[in-house]
């Protein structure tokens, strides 16, 4: 089994799906949140785009401390989201293509003010980032549904793409 090739394939699939979501992003709804405890849509969509940069970070570091990292600039519109997504995806594909299996075995930690929140093998951390893409994109789909924006299919047609 070629683990790195499988990660590249999965990242490519998630990239194509996310592009469909970002093409429909409503430029005037960055402050929308369906609930007071929910992330605002601008923050959520920026977070999704930024997660596409995590595999490169994981491969090139041993940890990330959220409190020491620079906060990302919230994307203002669909064009900025797509541009960020494209840039992160290309960097990640380059990093994955340059890696070898032994690069996936070291430990990687997610920290908050120096305290370890989670720790995985580097492979596990990359898999976790892919899971985060799926999770947060599903949240964005709920926001779209509540706003009356057609929800693109992810792993098959959505209800908006089917004729019942």
C-alpha atoms as a PDB file:
ATOM      1  CA  UNK A   1       0.000   0.000   0.000  1.00  0.00           C
ATOM      2  CA  UNK A   2       1.346   3.421  -0.939  1.00  0.00           C
ATOM      3  CA  UNK A   3       0.333   5.566   2.041  1.00  0.00           C
ATOM      4  CA  UNK A   4       1.599   8.852   0.628  1.00  0.00           C
ATOM      5  CA  UNK A   5      -0.161   8.292  -2.700  1.00  0.00           C
ATOM      6  CA  UNK A   6      -3.388   7.512  -0.832  1.00  0.00           C
ATOM      7  CA  UNK A   7      -3.068  10.741   1.173  1.00  0.00           C
ATOM      8  CA  UNK A   8      -2.468  12.699  -2.048  1.00  0.00           C
ATOM      9  CA  UNK A   9      -5.528  11.121  -3.663  1.00  0.00           C
ATOM     10  CA  UNK A  10      -7.719  11.837  -0.669  1.00  0.00           C
ATOM     11  CA  UNK A  11      -6.479  15.423  -0.382  1.00  0.00           C
ATOM     12  CA  UNK A  12      -7.168  15.903  -4.111  1.00  0.00           C
ATOM     13  CA  UNK A  13     -10.729  14.609  -3.706  1.00  0.00           C
ATOM     14  CA  UNK A  14     -11.393  16.871  -0.707  1.00  0.00           C
ATOM     15  CA  UNK A  15      -9.938  19.813  -2.637  1.00  0.00           C
ATOM     16  CA  UNK A  16     -12.307  19.279  -5.586  1.00  0.00           C
ATOM     17  CA  UNK A  17     -15.314  18.979  -3.283  1.00  0.00           C
ATOM     18  CA  UNK A  18     -14.339  22.079  -1.299  1.00  0.00           C
ATOM     19  CA  UNK A  19     -13.887  24.097  -4.505  1.00  0.00           C
ATOM     20  CA  UNK A  20     -17.551  23.395  -5.320  1.00  0.00           C
ATOM     21  CA  UNK A  21     -18.572  24.759  -1.915  1.00  0.00           C
ATOM     22  CA  UNK A  22     -16.391  27.867  -2.181  1.00  0.00           C
ATOM     23  CA  UNK A  23     -17.712  28.703  -5.663  1.00  0.00           C
ATOM     24  CA  UNK A  24     -21.138  29.173  -4.043  1.00  0.00           C
ATOM     25  CA  UNK A  25     -19.878  31.181  -1.067  1.00  0.00           C
ATOM     26  CA  UNK A  26     -22.131  34.215  -0.462  1.00  0.00           C
ATOM     27  CA  UNK A  27     -19.882  37.263  -0.322  1.00  0.00           C
ATOM     28  CA  UNK A  28     -22.127  39.236   2.010  1.00  0.00           C
ATOM     29  CA  UNK A  29     -22.614  36.614   4.759  1.00  0.00           C
ATOM     30  CA  UNK A  30     -19.262  36.493   6.605  1.00  0.00           C
ATOM     31  CA  UNK A  31     -20.948  37.450   9.897  1.00  0.00           C
ATOM     32  CA  UNK A  32     -23.716  34.863   9.605  1.00  0.00           C
ATOM     33  CA  UNK A  33     -23.907  32.171  12.296  1.00  0.00           C
ATOM     34  CA  UNK A  34     -26.930  29.914  12.826  1.00  0.00           C
ATOM     35  CA  UNK A  35     -26.508  30.014  16.612  1.00  0.00           C
ATOM     36  CA  UNK A  36     -24.700  32.198  19.128  1.00  0.00           C
ATOM     37  CA  UNK A  37     -22.273  29.339  19.871  1.00  0.00           C
ATOM     38  CA  UNK A  38     -21.563  28.717  16.179  1.00  0.00           C
ATOM     39  CA  UNK A  39     -18.570  30.110  14.304  1.00  0.00           C
ATOM     40  CA  UNK A  40     -19.350  32.943  11.960  1.00  0.00           C
ATOM     41  CA  UNK A  41     -19.366  31.817   8.344  1.00  0.00           C
ATOM     42  CA  UNK A  42     -16.301  33.881   7.402  1.00  0.00           C
ATOM     43  CA  UNK A  43     -14.277  32.284  10.184  1.00  0.00           C
ATOM     44  CA  UNK A  44     -15.564  28.781   9.371  1.00  0.00           C
ATOM     45  CA  UNK A  45     -14.829  29.017   5.651  1.00  0.00           C
ATOM     46  CA  UNK A  46     -11.377  30.518   6.288  1.00  0.00           C
ATOM     47  CA  UNK A  47     -10.667  27.694   8.724  1.00  0.00           C
ATOM     48  CA  UNK A  48     -11.591  25.127   6.069  1.00  0.00           C
ATOM     49  CA  UNK A  49      -9.235  26.737   3.549  1.00  0.00           C
ATOM     50  CA  UNK A  50      -6.458  26.954   6.152  1.00  0.00           C
ATOM     51  CA  UNK A  51      -6.772  23.269   7.082  1.00  0.00           C
ATOM     52  CA  UNK A  52      -5.578  22.455   3.572  1.00  0.00           C
ATOM     53  CA  UNK A  53      -2.211  23.807   4.781  1.00  0.00           C
ATOM     54  CA  UNK A  54      -1.912  21.450   7.735  1.00  0.00           C
ATOM     55  CA  UNK A  55      -0.263  18.438   6.051  1.00  0.00           C
ATOM     56  CA  UNK A  56       2.704  20.574   5.027  1.00  0.00           C
ATOM     57  CA  UNK A  57       2.962  21.968   8.570  1.00  0.00           C
ATOM     58  CA  UNK A  58       2.763  18.475  10.062  1.00  0.00           C
ATOM     59  CA  UNK A  59       5.477  17.137   7.778  1.00  0.00           C
ATOM     60  CA  UNK A  60       7.815  20.060   8.521  1.00  0.00           C
ATOM     61  CA  UNK A  61       7.300  20.588  12.266  1.00  0.00           C
ATOM     62  CA  UNK A  62       6.770  18.584  15.447  1.00  0.00           C
ATOM     63  CA  UNK A  63       3.984  20.700  16.918  1.00  0.00           C
ATOM     64  CA  UNK A  64       1.641  23.629  16.538  1.00  0.00           C
ATOM     65  CA  UNK A  65       0.710  25.840  19.454  1.00  0.00           C
ATOM     66  CA  UNK A  66      -2.476  27.691  18.538  1.00  0.00           C
ATOM     67  CA  UNK A  67      -1.744  30.476  21.006  1.00  0.00           C
ATOM     68  CA  UNK A  68       1.667  31.165  19.454  1.00  0.00           C
ATOM     69  CA  UNK A  69       0.568  30.866  15.822  1.00  0.00           C
ATOM     70  CA  UNK A  70      -0.449  33.913  13.839  1.00  0.00           C
ATOM     71  CA  UNK A  71      -4.213  34.093  13.416  1.00  0.00           C
ATOM     72  CA  UNK A  72      -5.258  33.741   9.785  1.00  0.00           C
ATOM     73  CA  UNK A  73      -6.778  36.682   7.943  1.00  0.00           C
ATOM     74  CA  UNK A  74     -10.504  36.043   7.519  1.00  0.00           C
ATOM     75  CA  UNK A  75     -11.253  35.715   3.810  1.00  0.00           C
ATOM     76  CA  UNK A  76     -13.748  38.290   2.577  1.00  0.00           C
ATOM     77  CA  UNK A  77     -15.254  36.558  -0.443  1.00  0.00           C
ATOM     78  CA  UNK A  78     -15.394  33.470  -2.637  1.00  0.00           C
ATOM     79  CA  UNK A  79     -12.435  34.604  -4.740  1.00  0.00           C
ATOM     80  CA  UNK A  80     -10.151  34.965  -1.701  1.00  0.00           C
ATOM     81  CA  UNK A  81     -11.296  31.599  -0.341  1.00  0.00           C
ATOM     82  CA  UNK A  82     -10.597  29.863  -3.643  1.00  0.00           C
ATOM     83  CA  UNK A  83      -7.186  31.527  -3.948  1.00  0.00           C
ATOM     84  CA  UNK A  84      -6.189  30.483  -0.410  1.00  0.00           C
ATOM     85  CA  UNK A  85      -7.494  26.956  -1.030  1.00  0.00           C
ATOM     86  CA  UNK A  86      -5.518  26.676  -4.293  1.00  0.00           C
ATOM     87  CA  UNK A  87      -2.298  27.910  -2.667  1.00  0.00           C
ATOM     88  CA  UNK A  88      -2.586  25.606   0.353  1.00  0.00           C
ATOM     89  CA  UNK A  89      -3.472  22.616  -1.821  1.00  0.00           C
ATOM     90  CA  UNK A  90      -0.490  23.104  -4.145  1.00  0.00           C
ATOM     91  CA  UNK A  91       1.944  23.468  -1.231  1.00  0.00           C
ATOM     92  CA  UNK A  92       0.532  20.353   0.401  1.00  0.00           C
ATOM     93  CA  UNK A  93       0.718  18.266  -2.726  1.00  0.00           C
ATOM     94  CA  UNK A  94       4.355  19.321  -3.175  1.00  0.00           C
ATOM     95  CA  UNK A  95       5.097  18.415   0.464  1.00  0.00           C
ATOM     96  CA  UNK A  96       3.370  15.024   0.175  1.00  0.00           C
ATOM     97  CA  UNK A  97       5.111  14.232  -3.121  1.00  0.00           C
ATOM     98  CA  UNK A  98       8.484  15.113  -1.561  1.00  0.00           C
ATOM     99  CA  UNK A  99       7.912  13.029   1.578  1.00  0.00           C
ATOM    100  CA  UNK A 100       8.757   9.409   2.205  1.00  0.00           C
ATOM    101  CA  UNK A 101       7.105   6.864   4.487  1.00  0.00           C
ATOM    102  CA  UNK A 102       9.519   7.508   7.348  1.00  0.00           C
ATOM    103  CA  UNK A 103       8.367  11.161   7.401  1.00  0.00           C
ATOM    104  CA  UNK A 104       4.964   9.923   8.595  1.00  0.00           C
ATOM    105  CA  UNK A 105       6.201   8.078  11.689  1.00  0.00           C
ATOM    106  CA  UNK A 106       7.375  10.826  14.047  1.00  0.00           C
ATOM    107  CA  UNK A 107       5.093  12.328  16.659  1.00  0.00           C
ATOM    108  CA  UNK A 108       3.250  15.575  16.129  1.00  0.00           C
ATOM    109  CA  UNK A 109       1.420  17.565  18.833  1.00  0.00           C
ATOM    110  CA  UNK A 110      -1.309  20.160  18.864  1.00  0.00           C
ATOM    111  CA  UNK A 111      -0.820  22.525  21.797  1.00  0.00           C
ATOM    112  CA  UNK A 112      -2.532  25.400  23.533  1.00  0.00           C
ATOM    113  CA  UNK A 113      -0.235  27.655  25.595  1.00  0.00           C
ATOM    114  CA  UNK A 114       2.375  24.885  25.781  1.00  0.00           C
ATOM    115  CA  UNK A 115      -0.095  22.245  26.977  1.00  0.00           C
ATOM    116  CA  UNK A 116      -0.550  19.257  24.690  1.00  0.00           C
ATOM    117  CA  UNK A 117      -4.174  19.050  23.544  1.00  0.00           C
ATOM    118  CA  UNK A 118      -3.657  16.088  21.200  1.00  0.00           C
ATOM    119  CA  UNK A 119      -0.768  14.043  19.883  1.00  0.00           C
ATOM    120  CA  UNK A 120      -0.594  11.717  16.914  1.00  0.00           C
ATOM    121  CA  UNK A 121       1.919  10.153  14.605  1.00  0.00           C
ATOM    122  CA  UNK A 122       2.524  12.517  11.703  1.00  0.00           C
ATOM    123  CA  UNK A 123       0.390  10.185   9.585  1.00  0.00           C
ATOM    124  CA  UNK A 124      -2.368  10.374  12.220  1.00  0.00           C
ATOM    125  CA  UNK A 125      -2.163  14.169  12.329  1.00  0.00           C
ATOM    126  CA  UNK A 126      -2.533  14.392   8.532  1.00  0.00           C
ATOM    127  CA  UNK A 127      -5.498  11.990   8.660  1.00  0.00           C
ATOM    128  CA  UNK A 128      -7.005  14.132  11.418  1.00  0.00           C
ATOM    129  CA  UNK A 129      -6.657  17.221   9.240  1.00  0.00           C
ATOM    130  CA  UNK A 130      -8.480  15.458   6.409  1.00  0.00           C
ATOM    131  CA  UNK A 131     -11.255  14.522   8.855  1.00  0.00           C
ATOM    132  CA  UNK A 132     -11.424  18.165   9.960  1.00  0.00           C
ATOM    133  CA  UNK A 133     -11.945  19.287   6.368  1.00  0.00           C
ATOM    134  CA  UNK A 134     -14.910  16.931   6.027  1.00  0.00           C
ATOM    135  CA  UNK A 135     -16.350  17.913   9.407  1.00  0.00           C
ATOM    136  CA  UNK A 136     -16.165  21.667   8.890  1.00  0.00           C
ATOM    137  CA  UNK A 137     -17.302  21.517   5.272  1.00  0.00           C
ATOM    138  CA  UNK A 138     -20.405  19.654   6.493  1.00  0.00           C
ATOM    139  CA  UNK A 139     -21.004  22.506   8.929  1.00  0.00           C
ATOM    140  CA  UNK A 140     -20.717  24.952   6.026  1.00  0.00           C
ATOM    141  CA  UNK A 141     -23.291  22.867   4.166  1.00  0.00           C
ATOM    142  CA  UNK A 142     -25.727  23.360   7.059  1.00  0.00           C
ATOM    143  CA  UNK A 143     -25.127  27.117   6.914  1.00  0.00           C
ATOM    144  CA  UNK A 144     -25.823  27.029   3.169  1.00  0.00           C
ATOM    145  CA  UNK A 145     -29.018  25.045   3.683  1.00  0.00           C
ATOM    146  CA  UNK A 146     -30.271  27.509   6.306  1.00  0.00           C
ATOM    147  CA  UNK A 147     -29.506  30.421   3.964  1.00  0.00           C
ATOM    148  CA  UNK A 148     -31.248  28.789   1.000  1.00  0.00           C
ATOM    149  CA  UNK A 149     -27.976  28.248  -0.903  1.00  0.00           C
ATOM    150  CA  UNK A 150     -27.905  24.969  -2.870  1.00  0.00           C
ATOM    151  CA  UNK A 151     -25.630  22.468  -1.145  1.00  0.00           C
ATOM    152  CA  UNK A 152     -23.144  20.754  -3.478  1.00  0.00           C
ATOM    153  CA  UNK A 153     -22.756  17.001  -3.271  1.00  0.00           C
ATOM    154  CA  UNK A 154     -19.717  15.719  -1.454  1.00  0.00           C
ATOM    155  CA  UNK A 155     -19.528  11.957  -1.964  1.00  0.00           C
ATOM    156  CA  UNK A 156     -22.477  11.683  -4.314  1.00  0.00           C
ATOM    157  CA  UNK A 157     -25.289  14.012  -5.338  1.00  0.00           C
ATOM    158  CA  UNK A 158     -26.903  16.214  -2.709  1.00  0.00           C
ATOM    159  CA  UNK A 159     -30.641  16.662  -2.409  1.00  0.00           C
ATOM    160  CA  UNK A 160     -30.201  19.906  -4.376  1.00  0.00           C
ATOM    161  CA  UNK A 161     -28.607  18.005  -7.261  1.00  0.00           C
ATOM    162  CA  UNK A 162     -31.196  15.237  -7.479  1.00  0.00           C
ATOM    163  CA  UNK A 163     -34.536  15.286  -9.231  1.00  0.00           C
ATOM    164  CA  UNK A 164     -37.065  13.607  -6.975  1.00  0.00           C
END
